[in-house]
Amino acid sequence: MVRLARALDAAGVAGKLRIFDGPHQWAPRELCTDAIEWLQLQAIKSGKLEKSPAFVEDLFQGQVAAARAYEASSKPYEAYLAYEAVVKDFKGLKNLDELDKKAADLKNSREVKQALKQEKEDIDKQTVKERELQALKRVALGPTVAEAGEGTADAGVSRATAASEDRAAALADLKKAIAGLRKKSEESSPDSIVWKRVLQGFFVQCYETASGLLQSKSYAMAAANLQLAAEIRPDGRGVFYNLACAYSRLKEKNKALTALKRAVDNGYSDLHALESDPDLDAIRSDPEFHHILENLAGKKRQ
């Protein structure tokens, strides 16, 4: 997203990137409000909305105050970004000579140059690690044994065996890499945020890929992607619930029940879904399923 924001700026396309602490979720209320106000401002600048001097002035003063607060708090990089945003947002609406010079001076400061350099290094580091994970995933979830075995019988068996061994090795390496990144992301180091972003991006990619595969009834590949997502989020509720659904569709009852129990243990509480979701039909008559259902109902009554 940072690279996209820079590309949009270079192309002269209006855009604004705001970053907040937290996982893949809705932004905080105040940032959503900022986004709506920014859209209103763009509509005013383009003539699609009638200009409201009071609205523009309030927004301008608020953003300038935020930039000056960063500067007063000895946060030059944050101040530079804030001043730069004000100049972009209010170009054509306000006199920005002073703020433009302030942004330029900060950009040329040693602190901001170092911060921009560090940002680029972090993004490059993140990209390299993401590509490593994706390369391992492509091998681990690669062609099926049947696909690898096309051709003559003997050659097919040999290729199928080699492909299976390669997949197993890649999957083991991928799980080891995820475990290592989880450990690094929890350490108090400057790189921990990079590893968190790598894991979060890979989790979202696996989870959303699995959602599409479930809809297209590709249950085995959906389960494989969800298993990887679960390596990143062993405390996830939705991950294990969807994994239970995929295994149920594959008629792998024991795996489905284990995943469903894990989902409930992690806090999954949609009793109606468990009782009515057709994806769970294959395990709904199993005594263990009723046990899970009874435990969840008991928790909800407490």
C-alpha atoms as a PDB file:
ATOM      1  CA  MET A   1       0.000   0.000   0.000  1.00  0.00           C
ATOM      2  CA  VAL A   2       2.901   2.343   0.709  1.00  0.00           C
ATOM      3  CA  ARG A   3       4.338   1.634  -2.733  1.00  0.00           C
ATOM      4  CA  LEU A   4       0.932   2.166  -4.330  1.00  0.00           C
ATOM      5  CA  ALA A   5       0.539   5.494  -2.518  1.00  0.00           C
ATOM      6  CA  ARG A   6       3.953   6.608  -3.792  1.00  0.00           C
ATOM      7  CA  ALA A   7       3.055   5.540  -7.354  1.00  0.00           C
ATOM      8  CA  LEU A   8      -0.237   7.443  -7.232  1.00  0.00           C
ATOM      9  CA  ASP A   9       1.590  10.539  -5.980  1.00  0.00           C
ATOM     10  CA  ALA A  10       4.137  10.262  -8.794  1.00  0.00           C
ATOM     11  CA  ALA A  11       1.318   9.942 -11.350  1.00  0.00           C
ATOM     12  CA  GLY A  12      -0.546  12.921  -9.917  1.00  0.00           C
ATOM     13  CA  VAL A  13      -3.536  10.811  -8.891  1.00  0.00           C
ATOM     14  CA  ALA A  14      -5.371  11.938  -5.755  1.00  0.00           C
ATOM     15  CA  GLY A  15      -4.994   9.464  -2.924  1.00  0.00           C
ATOM     16  CA  LYS A  16      -4.360   9.270   0.788  1.00  0.00           C
ATOM     17  CA  LEU A  17      -2.885   6.469   2.855  1.00  0.00           C
ATOM     18  CA  ARG A  18      -3.495   6.236   6.579  1.00  0.00           C
ATOM     19  CA  ILE A  19      -1.939   3.489   8.691  1.00  0.00           C
ATOM     20  CA  PHE A  20      -3.212   2.245  12.043  1.00  0.00           C
ATOM     21  CA  ASP A  21      -2.073  -0.360  14.536  1.00  0.00           C
ATOM     22  CA  GLY A  22      -4.044  -3.587  14.454  1.00  0.00           C
ATOM     23  CA  PRO A  23      -4.834  -6.681  12.401  1.00  0.00           C
ATOM     24  CA  HIS A  24      -6.830  -7.027   9.168  1.00  0.00           C
ATOM     25  CA  GLN A  25     -10.007  -5.247  10.272  1.00  0.00           C
ATOM     26  CA  TRP A  26     -12.000  -2.033   9.959  1.00  0.00           C
ATOM     27  CA  ALA A  27     -10.047   1.109  10.733  1.00  0.00           C
ATOM     28  CA  PRO A  28     -10.852   3.016  13.937  1.00  0.00           C
ATOM     29  CA  ARG A  29     -13.859   5.331  13.852  1.00  0.00           C
ATOM     30  CA  GLU A  30     -11.782   8.506  13.649  1.00  0.00           C
ATOM     31  CA  LEU A  31      -9.865   7.262  10.601  1.00  0.00           C
ATOM     32  CA  CYS A  32     -13.107   6.311   8.843  1.00  0.00           C
ATOM     33  CA  THR A  33     -14.374   9.831   9.587  1.00  0.00           C
ATOM     34  CA  ASP A  34     -11.144  11.263   8.146  1.00  0.00           C
ATOM     35  CA  ALA A  35     -11.682   9.200   4.991  1.00  0.00           C
ATOM     36  CA  ILE A  36     -15.216  10.533   4.475  1.00  0.00           C
ATOM     37  CA  GLU A  37     -14.048  14.100   5.069  1.00  0.00           C
ATOM     38  CA  TRP A  38     -11.217  13.591   2.569  1.00  0.00           C
ATOM     39  CA  LEU A  39     -13.720  12.368  -0.044  1.00  0.00           C
ATOM     40  CA  GLN A  40     -15.871  15.428   0.602  1.00  0.00           C
ATOM     41  CA  LEU A  41     -12.816  17.637   0.180  1.00  0.00           C
ATOM     42  CA  GLN A  42     -11.982  15.990  -3.166  1.00  0.00           C
ATOM     43  CA  ALA A  43     -15.564  16.518  -4.314  1.00  0.00           C
ATOM     44  CA  ILE A  44     -15.309  20.214  -3.414  1.00  0.00           C
ATOM     45  CA  LYS A  45     -11.995  20.548  -5.265  1.00  0.00           C
ATOM     46  CA  SER A  46     -13.463  18.910  -8.379  1.00  0.00           C
ATOM     47  CA  GLY A  47     -16.603  21.036  -8.282  1.00  0.00           C
ATOM     48  CA  LYS A  48     -18.946  18.126  -7.592  1.00  0.00           C
ATOM     49  CA  LEU A  49     -19.881  19.621  -4.247  1.00  0.00           C
ATOM     50  CA  GLU A  50     -20.515  23.263  -3.486  1.00  0.00           C
ATOM     51  CA  LYS A  51     -17.597  24.814  -1.651  1.00  0.00           C
ATOM     52  CA  SER A  52     -18.130  25.136   2.092  1.00  0.00           C
ATOM     53  CA  PRO A  53     -15.556  27.614   3.469  1.00  0.00           C
ATOM     54  CA  ALA A  54     -16.280  26.639   7.084  1.00  0.00           C
ATOM     55  CA  PHE A  55     -15.819  22.916   6.361  1.00  0.00           C
ATOM     56  CA  VAL A  56     -12.590  23.510   4.432  1.00  0.00           C
ATOM     57  CA  GLU A  57     -11.203  25.816   7.111  1.00  0.00           C
ATOM     58  CA  ASP A  58     -12.023  23.446   9.985  1.00  0.00           C
ATOM     59  CA  LEU A  59     -10.438  20.520   8.147  1.00  0.00           C
ATOM     60  CA  PHE A  60      -7.387  22.577   7.215  1.00  0.00           C
ATOM     61  CA  GLN A  61      -6.795  23.896  10.722  1.00  0.00           C
ATOM     62  CA  GLY A  62      -7.209  20.417  12.205  1.00  0.00           C
ATOM     63  CA  GLN A  63      -4.629  18.864   9.861  1.00  0.00           C
ATOM     64  CA  VAL A  64      -2.158  21.714  10.325  1.00  0.00           C
ATOM     65  CA  ALA A  65      -2.507  21.419  14.101  1.00  0.00           C
ATOM     66  CA  ALA A  66      -1.822  17.671  13.900  1.00  0.00           C
ATOM     67  CA  ALA A  67       1.306  18.281  11.800  1.00  0.00           C
ATOM     68  CA  ARG A  68       2.588  20.922  14.214  1.00  0.00           C
ATOM     69  CA  ALA A  69       1.914  18.628  17.154  1.00  0.00           C
ATOM     70  CA  TYR A  70       4.131  15.962  15.579  1.00  0.00           C
ATOM     71  CA  GLU A  71       6.831  18.561  15.024  1.00  0.00           C
ATOM     72  CA  ALA A  72       6.584  19.810  18.617  1.00  0.00           C
ATOM     73  CA  SER A  73       6.835  16.209  19.859  1.00  0.00           C
ATOM     74  CA  SER A  74      10.149  15.707  18.009  1.00  0.00           C
ATOM     75  CA  LYS A  75       8.605  13.349  15.453  1.00  0.00           C
ATOM     76  CA  PRO A  76      10.034  14.799  12.235  1.00  0.00           C
ATOM     77  CA  TYR A  77       9.055  11.910   9.960  1.00  0.00           C
ATOM     78  CA  GLU A  78       5.426  11.956  11.089  1.00  0.00           C
ATOM     79  CA  ALA A  79       5.444  15.767  10.825  1.00  0.00           C
ATOM     80  CA  TYR A  80       6.828  15.587   7.283  1.00  0.00           C
ATOM     81  CA  LEU A  81       4.109  13.151   6.212  1.00  0.00           C
ATOM     82  CA  ALA A  82       1.429  15.305   7.833  1.00  0.00           C
ATOM     83  CA  TYR A  83       2.623  18.558   6.224  1.00  0.00           C
ATOM     84  CA  GLU A  84       2.983  16.807   2.860  1.00  0.00           C
ATOM     85  CA  ALA A  85      -0.594  15.538   3.161  1.00  0.00           C
ATOM     86  CA  VAL A  86      -1.919  19.013   3.959  1.00  0.00           C
ATOM     87  CA  VAL A  87      -0.193  20.434   0.878  1.00  0.00           C
ATOM     88  CA  LYS A  88      -1.643  17.706  -1.344  1.00  0.00           C
ATOM     89  CA  ASP A  89      -5.137  17.846   0.136  1.00  0.00           C
ATOM     90  CA  PHE A  90      -5.610  21.621   0.071  1.00  0.00           C
ATOM     91  CA  LYS A  91      -3.801  22.506  -3.131  1.00  0.00           C
ATOM     92  CA  GLY A  92      -5.930  25.075  -4.964  1.00  0.00           C
ATOM     93  CA  LEU A  93      -7.968  25.871  -1.866  1.00  0.00           C
ATOM     94  CA  LYS A  94      -5.474  27.511   0.504  1.00  0.00           C
ATOM     95  CA  ASN A  95      -2.184  29.393   0.431  1.00  0.00           C
ATOM     96  CA  LEU A  96       0.302  26.617   1.155  1.00  0.00           C
ATOM     97  CA  ASP A  97       3.675  28.296   0.567  1.00  0.00           C
ATOM     98  CA  GLU A  98       4.729  28.155   4.222  1.00  0.00           C
ATOM     99  CA  LEU A  99       3.585  24.560   4.706  1.00  0.00           C
ATOM    100  CA  ASP A 100       5.149  23.441   1.425  1.00  0.00           C
ATOM    101  CA  LYS A 101       8.500  24.875   2.553  1.00  0.00           C
ATOM    102  CA  LYS A 102       8.087  23.205   5.941  1.00  0.00           C
ATOM    103  CA  ALA A 103       7.517  19.827   4.262  1.00  0.00           C
ATOM    104  CA  ALA A 104      10.516  20.358   1.957  1.00  0.00           C
ATOM    105  CA  ASP A 105      12.803  21.334   4.844  1.00  0.00           C
ATOM    106  CA  LEU A 106      11.757  18.297   6.840  1.00  0.00           C
ATOM    107  CA  LYS A 107      12.220  15.993   3.840  1.00  0.00           C
ATOM    108  CA  ASN A 108      15.809  17.211   3.542  1.00  0.00           C
ATOM    109  CA  SER A 109      16.537  16.640   7.227  1.00  0.00           C
ATOM    110  CA  ARG A 110      18.787  13.787   8.305  1.00  0.00           C
ATOM    111  CA  GLU A 111      16.036  12.202  10.418  1.00  0.00           C
ATOM    112  CA  VAL A 112      13.468  12.086   7.629  1.00  0.00           C
ATOM    113  CA  LYS A 113      15.982  10.878   5.042  1.00  0.00           C
ATOM    114  CA  GLN A 114      16.920   8.051   7.397  1.00  0.00           C
ATOM    115  CA  ALA A 115      13.257   7.231   8.047  1.00  0.00           C
ATOM    116  CA  LEU A 116      12.480   7.105   4.312  1.00  0.00           C
ATOM    117  CA  LYS A 117      15.537   4.920   3.751  1.00  0.00           C
ATOM    118  CA  GLN A 118      14.444   2.615   6.584  1.00  0.00           C
ATOM    119  CA  GLU A 119      10.908   2.454   5.181  1.00  0.00           C
ATOM    120  CA  LYS A 120      12.237   1.342   1.787  1.00  0.00           C
ATOM    121  CA  GLU A 121      14.538  -1.246   3.391  1.00  0.00           C
ATOM    122  CA  ASP A 122      11.640  -2.604   5.472  1.00  0.00           C
ATOM    123  CA  ILE A 123       9.384  -2.893   2.423  1.00  0.00           C
ATOM    124  CA  ASP A 124      12.147  -4.604   0.431  1.00  0.00           C
ATOM    125  CA  LYS A 125      12.760  -6.997   3.316  1.00  0.00           C
ATOM    126  CA  GLN A 126       9.045  -7.716   3.555  1.00  0.00           C
ATOM    127  CA  THR A 127       8.791  -8.330  -0.193  1.00  0.00           C
ATOM    128  CA  VAL A 128      11.689 -10.793  -0.180  1.00  0.00           C
ATOM    129  CA  LYS A 129      10.182 -12.797   2.682  1.00  0.00           C
ATOM    130  CA  GLU A 130       6.709 -12.757   1.112  1.00  0.00           C
ATOM    131  CA  ARG A 131       8.147 -14.140  -2.111  1.00  0.00           C
ATOM    132  CA  GLU A 132       9.937 -16.882  -0.178  1.00  0.00           C
ATOM    133  CA  LEU A 133       6.684 -17.950   1.489  1.00  0.00           C
ATOM    134  CA  GLN A 134       4.778 -17.844  -1.792  1.00  0.00           C
ATOM    135  CA  ALA A 135       7.461 -19.918  -3.542  1.00  0.00           C
ATOM    136  CA  LEU A 136       7.268 -22.576  -0.826  1.00  0.00           C
ATOM    137  CA  LYS A 137       3.473 -22.513  -0.973  1.00  0.00           C
ATOM    138  CA  ARG A 138       3.461 -23.037  -4.742  1.00  0.00           C
ATOM    139  CA  VAL A 139       5.544 -26.187  -4.312  1.00  0.00           C
ATOM    140  CA  ALA A 140       3.740 -27.406  -1.174  1.00  0.00           C
ATOM    141  CA  LEU A 141       0.296 -27.041  -2.759  1.00  0.00           C
ATOM    142  CA  GLY A 142       1.493 -27.825  -6.275  1.00  0.00           C
ATOM    143  CA  PRO A 143       0.179 -30.316  -8.848  1.00  0.00           C
ATOM    144  CA  THR A 144      -1.602 -33.418  -7.635  1.00  0.00           C
ATOM    145  CA  VAL A 145      -0.019 -36.858  -7.865  1.00  0.00           C
ATOM    146  CA  ALA A 146      -2.257 -37.622 -10.835  1.00  0.00           C
ATOM    147  CA  GLU A 147      -1.093 -34.493 -12.676  1.00  0.00           C
ATOM    148  CA  ALA A 148       2.546 -35.216 -11.841  1.00  0.00           C
ATOM    149  CA  GLY A 149       2.085 -38.790 -13.086  1.00  0.00           C
ATOM    150  CA  GLU A 150       1.002 -38.065 -16.658  1.00  0.00           C
ATOM    151  CA  GLY A 151       2.991 -39.960 -19.280  1.00  0.00           C
ATOM    152  CA  THR A 152       4.306 -43.510 -19.271  1.00  0.00           C
ATOM    153  CA  ALA A 153       3.505 -45.669 -16.265  1.00  0.00           C
ATOM    154  CA  ASP A 154       7.076 -46.026 -14.899  1.00  0.00           C
ATOM    155  CA  ALA A 155       7.999 -42.423 -15.569  1.00  0.00           C
ATOM    156  CA  GLY A 156       4.678 -41.313 -14.127  1.00  0.00           C
ATOM    157  CA  VAL A 157       5.227 -43.169 -10.856  1.00  0.00           C
ATOM    158  CA  SER A 158       8.733 -41.738 -10.571  1.00  0.00           C
ATOM    159  CA  ARG A 159       7.580 -38.185 -11.215  1.00  0.00           C
ATOM    160  CA  ALA A 160       4.615 -38.590  -8.874  1.00  0.00           C
ATOM    161  CA  THR A 161       6.880 -39.845  -6.073  1.00  0.00           C
ATOM    162  CA  ALA A 162       9.343 -37.006  -6.593  1.00  0.00           C
ATOM    163  CA  ALA A 163       6.540 -34.433  -6.685  1.00  0.00           C
ATOM    164  CA  SER A 164       5.045 -35.833  -3.496  1.00  0.00           C
ATOM    165  CA  GLU A 165       8.408 -35.688  -1.723  1.00  0.00           C
ATOM    166  CA  ASP A 166       9.001 -32.139  -2.951  1.00  0.00           C
ATOM    167  CA  ARG A 167       5.592 -31.063  -1.675  1.00  0.00           C
ATOM    168  CA  ALA A 168       6.168 -32.641   1.718  1.00  0.00           C
ATOM    169  CA  ALA A 169       9.582 -30.991   2.054  1.00  0.00           C
ATOM    170  CA  ALA A 170       8.239 -27.601   0.958  1.00  0.00           C
ATOM    171  CA  LEU A 171       5.313 -27.854   3.365  1.00  0.00           C
ATOM    172  CA  ALA A 172       7.660 -28.683   6.234  1.00  0.00           C
ATOM    173  CA  ASP A 173       9.912 -25.748   5.291  1.00  0.00           C
ATOM    174  CA  LEU A 174       6.898 -23.460   5.009  1.00  0.00           C
ATOM    175  CA  LYS A 175       5.588 -24.398   8.445  1.00  0.00           C
ATOM    176  CA  LYS A 176       9.067 -23.937   9.899  1.00  0.00           C
ATOM    177  CA  ALA A 177       9.345 -20.505   8.250  1.00  0.00           C
ATOM    178  CA  ILE A 178       5.944 -19.457   9.628  1.00  0.00           C
ATOM    179  CA  ALA A 179       6.891 -20.613  13.127  1.00  0.00           C
ATOM    180  CA  GLY A 180      10.153 -18.679  12.896  1.00  0.00           C
ATOM    181  CA  LEU A 181       8.387 -15.528  11.745  1.00  0.00           C
ATOM    182  CA  ARG A 182       5.822 -15.817  14.542  1.00  0.00           C
ATOM    183  CA  LYS A 183       8.644 -15.985  17.067  1.00  0.00           C
ATOM    184  CA  LYS A 184      10.487 -13.030  15.485  1.00  0.00           C
ATOM    185  CA  SER A 185       7.296 -10.965  15.314  1.00  0.00           C
ATOM    186  CA  GLU A 186       6.877 -11.262  19.075  1.00  0.00           C
ATOM    187  CA  GLU A 187      10.412 -10.086  19.856  1.00  0.00           C
ATOM    188  CA  SER A 188      11.220  -6.504  20.816  1.00  0.00           C
ATOM    189  CA  SER A 189      13.182  -5.567  17.726  1.00  0.00           C
ATOM    190  CA  PRO A 190      12.871  -2.953  14.951  1.00  0.00           C
ATOM    191  CA  ASP A 191      12.111  -5.734  12.447  1.00  0.00           C
ATOM    192  CA  SER A 192       9.201  -7.235  14.399  1.00  0.00           C
ATOM    193  CA  ILE A 193       6.646  -5.037  12.589  1.00  0.00           C
ATOM    194  CA  VAL A 194       8.023  -6.256   9.244  1.00  0.00           C
ATOM    195  CA  TRP A 195       7.522  -9.902  10.206  1.00  0.00           C
ATOM    196  CA  LYS A 196       4.033  -9.121  11.522  1.00  0.00           C
ATOM    197  CA  ARG A 197       3.123  -7.600   8.169  1.00  0.00           C
ATOM    198  CA  VAL A 198       4.534 -10.604   6.321  1.00  0.00           C
ATOM    199  CA  LEU A 199       2.501 -13.016   8.433  1.00  0.00           C
ATOM    200  CA  GLN A 200      -0.646 -10.922   8.255  1.00  0.00           C
ATOM    201  CA  GLY A 201      -0.424 -10.587   4.485  1.00  0.00           C
ATOM    202  CA  PHE A 202       0.188 -14.306   4.027  1.00  0.00           C
ATOM    203  CA  PHE A 203      -2.673 -15.135   6.392  1.00  0.00           C
ATOM    204  CA  VAL A 204      -5.118 -12.926   4.494  1.00  0.00           C
ATOM    205  CA  GLN A 205      -3.989 -14.377   1.168  1.00  0.00           C
ATOM    206  CA  CYS A 206      -4.454 -17.970   2.369  1.00  0.00           C
ATOM    207  CA  TYR A 207      -7.768 -17.241   4.096  1.00  0.00           C
ATOM    208  CA  GLU A 208      -9.324 -15.342   1.203  1.00  0.00           C
ATOM    209  CA  THR A 209      -8.061 -17.908  -1.307  1.00  0.00           C
ATOM    210  CA  ALA A 210      -9.705 -20.603   0.809  1.00  0.00           C
ATOM    211  CA  SER A 211     -12.988 -18.664   0.886  1.00  0.00           C
ATOM    212  CA  GLY A 212     -13.058 -18.587  -2.912  1.00  0.00           C
ATOM    213  CA  LEU A 213     -12.163 -22.267  -3.125  1.00  0.00           C
ATOM    214  CA  LEU A 214     -14.971 -23.179  -0.722  1.00  0.00           C
ATOM    215  CA  GLN A 215     -17.439 -21.312  -2.916  1.00  0.00           C
ATOM    216  CA  SER A 216     -16.177 -23.137  -6.004  1.00  0.00           C
ATOM    217  CA  LYS A 217     -16.358 -26.468  -4.107  1.00  0.00           C
ATOM    218  CA  SER A 218     -12.599 -27.077  -4.328  1.00  0.00           C
ATOM    219  CA  TYR A 219     -12.599 -28.389  -0.799  1.00  0.00           C
ATOM    220  CA  ALA A 220      -9.200 -30.115  -0.713  1.00  0.00           C
ATOM    221  CA  MET A 221      -7.331 -26.981  -1.807  1.00  0.00           C
ATOM    222  CA  ALA A 222      -9.476 -24.868   0.504  1.00  0.00           C
ATOM    223  CA  ALA A 223      -8.481 -27.094   3.422  1.00  0.00           C
ATOM    224  CA  ALA A 224      -4.805 -26.874   2.446  1.00  0.00           C
ATOM    225  CA  ASN A 225      -4.922 -23.066   2.449  1.00  0.00           C
ATOM    226  CA  LEU A 226      -6.803 -22.993   5.746  1.00  0.00           C
ATOM    227  CA  GLN A 227      -4.239 -25.297   7.339  1.00  0.00           C
ATOM    228  CA  LEU A 228      -1.565 -22.742   6.466  1.00  0.00           C
ATOM    229  CA  ALA A 229      -3.721 -19.917   7.831  1.00  0.00           C
ATOM    230  CA  ALA A 230      -4.116 -21.910  11.043  1.00  0.00           C
ATOM    231  CA  GLU A 231      -0.327 -22.139  11.374  1.00  0.00           C
ATOM    232  CA  ILE A 232      -0.309 -18.339  11.581  1.00  0.00           C
ATOM    233  CA  ARG A 233      -3.443 -17.975  13.717  1.00  0.00           C
ATOM    234  CA  PRO A 234      -3.726 -21.075  15.931  1.00  0.00           C
ATOM    235  CA  ASP A 235      -6.208 -19.100  18.048  1.00  0.00           C
ATOM    236  CA  GLY A 236      -8.453 -18.271  15.088  1.00  0.00           C
ATOM    237  CA  ARG A 237     -12.164 -19.047  15.224  1.00  0.00           C
ATOM    238  CA  GLY A 238     -13.227 -18.559  11.616  1.00  0.00           C
ATOM    239  CA  VAL A 239     -10.170 -20.400  10.298  1.00  0.00           C
ATOM    240  CA  PHE A 240     -10.985 -23.591  12.178  1.00  0.00           C
ATOM    241  CA  TYR A 241     -14.727 -23.342  11.529  1.00  0.00           C
ATOM    242  CA  ASN A 242     -14.114 -23.098   7.773  1.00  0.00           C
ATOM    243  CA  LEU A 243     -11.558 -25.883   8.030  1.00  0.00           C
ATOM    244  CA  ALA A 244     -14.223 -28.050   9.691  1.00  0.00           C
ATOM    245  CA  CYS A 245     -16.595 -27.252   6.819  1.00  0.00           C
ATOM    246  CA  ALA A 246     -13.986 -28.190   4.201  1.00  0.00           C
ATOM    247  CA  TYR A 247     -13.138 -31.490   5.917  1.00  0.00           C
ATOM    248  CA  SER A 248     -16.829 -32.260   6.359  1.00  0.00           C
ATOM    249  CA  ARG A 249     -17.399 -31.799   2.624  1.00  0.00           C
ATOM    250  CA  LEU A 250     -14.425 -34.108   2.008  1.00  0.00           C
ATOM    251  CA  LYS A 251     -16.047 -36.702   4.324  1.00  0.00           C
ATOM    252  CA  GLU A 252     -12.994 -36.591   6.608  1.00  0.00           C
ATOM    253  CA  LYS A 253     -15.086 -36.710   9.751  1.00  0.00           C
ATOM    254  CA  ASN A 254     -12.375 -36.979  12.389  1.00  0.00           C
ATOM    255  CA  LYS A 255     -10.478 -33.995  10.988  1.00  0.00           C
ATOM    256  CA  ALA A 256     -13.720 -32.038  10.661  1.00  0.00           C
ATOM    257  CA  LEU A 257     -14.721 -32.693  14.259  1.00  0.00           C
ATOM    258  CA  THR A 258     -11.244 -31.862  15.560  1.00  0.00           C
ATOM    259  CA  ALA A 259     -11.274 -28.555  13.657  1.00  0.00           C
ATOM    260  CA  LEU A 260     -14.794 -27.737  14.839  1.00  0.00           C
ATOM    261  CA  LYS A 261     -13.886 -28.405  18.460  1.00  0.00           C
ATOM    262  CA  ARG A 262     -10.846 -26.156  18.038  1.00  0.00           C
ATOM    263  CA  ALA A 263     -13.049 -23.394  16.607  1.00  0.00           C
ATOM    264  CA  VAL A 264     -15.402 -23.571  19.594  1.00  0.00           C
ATOM    265  CA  ASP A 265     -12.492 -23.726  22.044  1.00  0.00           C
ATOM    266  CA  ASN A 266     -11.126 -20.578  20.370  1.00  0.00           C
ATOM    267  CA  GLY A 267     -14.412 -18.768  20.922  1.00  0.00           C
ATOM    268  CA  TYR A 268     -16.660 -19.634  17.966  1.00  0.00           C
ATOM    269  CA  SER A 269     -20.209 -19.237  19.254  1.00  0.00           C
ATOM    270  CA  ASP A 270     -22.670 -19.228  16.332  1.00  0.00           C
ATOM    271  CA  LEU A 271     -24.952 -22.028  17.471  1.00  0.00           C
ATOM    272  CA  HIS A 272     -27.375 -21.456  14.591  1.00  0.00           C
ATOM    273  CA  ALA A 273     -24.597 -21.972  12.025  1.00  0.00           C
ATOM    274  CA  LEU A 274     -23.597 -25.263  13.611  1.00  0.00           C
ATOM    275  CA  GLU A 275     -27.194 -26.452  13.545  1.00  0.00           C
ATOM    276  CA  SER A 276     -28.016 -25.358  10.003  1.00  0.00           C
ATOM    277  CA  ASP A 277     -24.862 -24.982   7.880  1.00  0.00           C
ATOM    278  CA  PRO A 278     -25.110 -27.580   5.064  1.00  0.00           C
ATOM    279  CA  ASP A 279     -21.307 -27.776   4.959  1.00  0.00           C
ATOM    280  CA  LEU A 280     -21.485 -29.668   8.266  1.00  0.00           C
ATOM    281  CA  ASP A 281     -24.183 -32.163   7.208  1.00  0.00           C
ATOM    282  CA  ALA A 282     -21.663 -35.013   6.947  1.00  0.00           C
ATOM    283  CA  ILE A 283     -20.800 -34.805  10.659  1.00  0.00           C
ATOM    284  CA  ARG A 284     -24.078 -33.578  12.131  1.00  0.00           C
ATOM    285  CA  SER A 285     -25.249 -37.065  13.166  1.00  0.00           C
ATOM    286  CA  ASP A 286     -21.952 -37.947  14.852  1.00  0.00           C
ATOM    287  CA  PRO A 287     -22.092 -38.199  18.680  1.00  0.00           C
ATOM    288  CA  GLU A 288     -18.983 -36.000  18.965  1.00  0.00           C
ATOM    289  CA  PHE A 289     -20.771 -33.267  17.005  1.00  0.00           C
ATOM    290  CA  HIS A 290     -23.668 -33.353  19.477  1.00  0.00           C
ATOM    291  CA  HIS A 291     -21.173 -33.200  22.328  1.00  0.00           C
ATOM    292  CA  ILE A 292     -19.588 -30.063  20.815  1.00  0.00           C
ATOM    293  CA  LEU A 293     -23.054 -28.589  20.282  1.00  0.00           C
ATOM    294  CA  GLU A 294     -24.098 -29.292  23.875  1.00  0.00           C
ATOM    295  CA  ASN A 295     -20.901 -27.738  25.252  1.00  0.00           C
ATOM    296  CA  LEU A 296     -21.450 -24.593  23.195  1.00  0.00           C
ATOM    297  CA  ALA A 297     -25.096 -24.358  24.242  1.00  0.00           C
ATOM    298  CA  GLY A 298     -24.009 -24.730  27.867  1.00  0.00           C
ATOM    299  CA  LYS A 299     -21.488 -21.887  27.478  1.00  0.00           C
ATOM    300  CA  LYS A 300     -24.143 -19.616  26.002  1.00  0.00           C
ATOM    301  CA  ARG A 301     -26.520 -20.344  28.916  1.00  0.00           C
ATOM    302  CA  GLN A 302     -23.872 -19.343  31.485  1.00  0.00           C
END
